[in-house]
Amino acid sequence: MDAITAPAILAEQLAAHGLSVTNQGEHALCVTNPLHPLVGETVTAHGGCYLTGYGYEIGVHGDEQATADRLAHLLGLPRPATVPVQAKGRER
């Protein structure tokens, strides 16, 4: 996967999480939590990985789903319930 398409794929994954994504050029995205617009992060594609604005590696190209999961957590997005809810059976 080349570095030009990797940010576009990541942007789709982030939007699927409900995050607001703005393209900041060929290799950079501005990602914000729509519930708290002041909570955000700039993510750049550099050398096969994704870096935060502070230079921390948050993921690698080719694993955009996990990168989006980490960013959603970092930006305080509520996590979906992982425990299935079972309906009670009808009693006769």
C-alpha atoms as a PDB file:
ATOM      1  CA  MET A   1       0.000   0.000   0.000  1.00  0.00           C
ATOM      2  CA  ASP A   2       1.439   3.367  -0.888  1.00  0.00           C
ATOM      3  CA  ALA A   3       1.513   6.340   1.443  1.00  0.00           C
ATOM      4  CA  ILE A   4      -0.936   8.333  -0.692  1.00  0.00           C
ATOM      5  CA  THR A   5      -3.843   5.896  -0.304  1.00  0.00           C
ATOM      6  CA  ALA A   6      -3.119   4.903   3.293  1.00  0.00           C
ATOM      7  CA  PRO A   7      -4.402   8.194   4.816  1.00  0.00           C
ATOM      8  CA  ALA A   8      -7.570   7.950   2.695  1.00  0.00           C
ATOM      9  CA  ILE A   9      -8.227   4.440   4.012  1.00  0.00           C
ATOM     10  CA  LEU A  10      -7.558   5.611   7.569  1.00  0.00           C
ATOM     11  CA  ALA A  11      -9.930   8.562   7.069  1.00  0.00           C
ATOM     12  CA  GLU A  12     -12.722   6.151   6.077  1.00  0.00           C
ATOM     13  CA  GLN A  13     -12.099   3.995   9.164  1.00  0.00           C
ATOM     14  CA  LEU A  14     -12.069   7.043  11.449  1.00  0.00           C
ATOM     15  CA  ALA A  15     -15.321   8.357   9.959  1.00  0.00           C
ATOM     16  CA  ALA A  16     -16.884   4.916  10.502  1.00  0.00           C
ATOM     17  CA  HIS A  17     -16.048   5.343  14.210  1.00  0.00           C
ATOM     18  CA  GLY A  18     -17.962   8.631  14.197  1.00  0.00           C
ATOM     19  CA  LEU A  19     -14.917  10.892  14.371  1.00  0.00           C
ATOM     20  CA  SER A  20     -14.723  14.121  12.363  1.00  0.00           C
ATOM     21  CA  VAL A  21     -11.919  13.975   9.803  1.00  0.00           C
ATOM     22  CA  THR A  22     -10.434  16.850   7.797  1.00  0.00           C
ATOM     23  CA  ASN A  23      -7.770  16.325   5.156  1.00  0.00           C
ATOM     24  CA  GLN A  24      -4.716  18.480   5.924  1.00  0.00           C
ATOM     25  CA  GLY A  25      -2.763  17.679   2.769  1.00  0.00           C
ATOM     26  CA  GLU A  26      -1.506  14.541   1.070  1.00  0.00           C
ATOM     27  CA  HIS A  27      -0.223  12.830   4.192  1.00  0.00           C
ATOM     28  CA  ALA A  28      -2.019  14.466   7.131  1.00  0.00           C
ATOM     29  CA  LEU A  29      -5.445  14.262   8.759  1.00  0.00           C
ATOM     30  CA  CYS A  30      -6.993  16.384  11.489  1.00  0.00           C
ATOM     31  CA  VAL A  31      -9.216  14.142  13.626  1.00  0.00           C
ATOM     32  CA  THR A  32     -11.638  15.455  16.257  1.00  0.00           C
ATOM     33  CA  ASN A  33     -14.230  14.055  18.606  1.00  0.00           C
ATOM     34  CA  PRO A  34     -17.574  15.527  17.453  1.00  0.00           C
ATOM     35  CA  LEU A  35     -18.874  15.391  21.031  1.00  0.00           C
ATOM     36  CA  HIS A  36     -15.930  17.536  22.200  1.00  0.00           C
ATOM     37  CA  PRO A  37     -14.604  19.532  19.207  1.00  0.00           C
ATOM     38  CA  LEU A  38     -11.594  20.833  21.144  1.00  0.00           C
ATOM     39  CA  VAL A  39     -10.355  17.255  21.602  1.00  0.00           C
ATOM     40  CA  GLY A  40      -8.410  16.397  18.484  1.00  0.00           C
ATOM     41  CA  GLU A  41      -5.203  15.111  17.009  1.00  0.00           C
ATOM     42  CA  THR A  42      -3.260  15.638  13.801  1.00  0.00           C
ATOM     43  CA  VAL A  43      -2.126  12.347  12.292  1.00  0.00           C
ATOM     44  CA  THR A  44       0.525  12.132   9.591  1.00  0.00           C
ATOM     45  CA  ALA A  45       1.603   9.247   7.386  1.00  0.00           C
ATOM     46  CA  HIS A  46       5.380   8.958   7.554  1.00  0.00           C
ATOM     47  CA  GLY A  47       7.679   6.094   6.617  1.00  0.00           C
ATOM     48  CA  GLY A  48       5.045   3.356   6.674  1.00  0.00           C
ATOM     49  CA  CYS A  49       3.477   4.388   9.971  1.00  0.00           C
ATOM     50  CA  TYR A  50       1.050   6.936  11.405  1.00  0.00           C
ATOM     51  CA  LEU A  51       2.337   9.546  13.840  1.00  0.00           C
ATOM     52  CA  THR A  52       0.429  11.831  16.190  1.00  0.00           C
ATOM     53  CA  GLY A  53       1.180  15.535  16.337  1.00  0.00           C
ATOM     54  CA  TYR A  54       3.510  14.778  19.259  1.00  0.00           C
ATOM     55  CA  GLY A  55       5.501  12.264  17.215  1.00  0.00           C
ATOM     56  CA  TYR A  56       4.104   9.100  18.801  1.00  0.00           C
ATOM     57  CA  GLU A  57       3.570   6.138  16.491  1.00  0.00           C
ATOM     58  CA  ILE A  58      -0.099   5.196  16.677  1.00  0.00           C
ATOM     59  CA  GLY A  59      -0.283   2.614  13.878  1.00  0.00           C
ATOM     60  CA  VAL A  60       1.152   1.247  10.661  1.00  0.00           C
ATOM     61  CA  HIS A  61       0.030   1.364   7.056  1.00  0.00           C
ATOM     62  CA  GLY A  62      -2.004  -1.738   6.302  1.00  0.00           C
ATOM     63  CA  ASP A  63      -3.609  -1.871   9.751  1.00  0.00           C
ATOM     64  CA  GLU A  64      -5.896   1.145   9.514  1.00  0.00           C
ATOM     65  CA  GLN A  65      -8.691  -0.511  11.522  1.00  0.00           C
ATOM     66  CA  ALA A  66      -6.484  -0.892  14.609  1.00  0.00           C
ATOM     67  CA  THR A  67      -5.094   2.614  14.100  1.00  0.00           C
ATOM     68  CA  ALA A  68      -8.637   4.019  13.982  1.00  0.00           C
ATOM     69  CA  ASP A  69      -9.520   2.058  17.139  1.00  0.00           C
ATOM     70  CA  ARG A  70      -6.528   3.574  18.962  1.00  0.00           C
ATOM     71  CA  LEU A  71      -7.359   7.106  17.830  1.00  0.00           C
ATOM     72  CA  ALA A  72     -10.995   6.723  18.861  1.00  0.00           C
ATOM     73  CA  HIS A  73      -9.802   5.632  22.313  1.00  0.00           C
ATOM     74  CA  LEU A  74      -7.236   8.439  22.489  1.00  0.00           C
ATOM     75  CA  LEU A  75      -9.902  11.026  21.638  1.00  0.00           C
ATOM     76  CA  GLY A  76     -12.337   9.725  24.248  1.00  0.00           C
ATOM     77  CA  LEU A  77     -14.973   8.264  21.956  1.00  0.00           C
ATOM     78  CA  PRO A  78     -17.333   5.926  23.817  1.00  0.00           C
ATOM     79  CA  ARG A  79     -16.675   2.273  23.073  1.00  0.00           C
ATOM     80  CA  PRO A  80     -19.487   0.078  21.800  1.00  0.00           C
ATOM     81  CA  ALA A  81     -20.743  -2.557  24.202  1.00  0.00           C
ATOM     82  CA  THR A  82     -18.846  -5.802  23.753  1.00  0.00           C
ATOM     83  CA  VAL A  83     -21.055  -8.000  25.907  1.00  0.00           C
ATOM     84  CA  PRO A  84     -24.080  -9.288  24.003  1.00  0.00           C
ATOM     85  CA  VAL A  85     -27.416  -8.739  25.677  1.00  0.00           C
ATOM     86  CA  GLN A  86     -29.567 -11.847  25.748  1.00  0.00           C
ATOM     87  CA  ALA A  87     -33.322 -11.562  25.673  1.00  0.00           C
ATOM     88  CA  LYS A  88     -35.145 -13.498  28.346  1.00  0.00           C
ATOM     89  CA  GLY A  89     -37.178 -16.406  27.045  1.00  0.00           C
ATOM     90  CA  ARG A  90     -40.938 -16.414  27.276  1.00  0.00           C
ATOM     91  CA  GLU A  91     -42.359 -18.495  30.074  1.00  0.00           C
ATOM     92  CA  ARG A  92     -45.557 -20.462  29.537  1.00  0.00           C
END
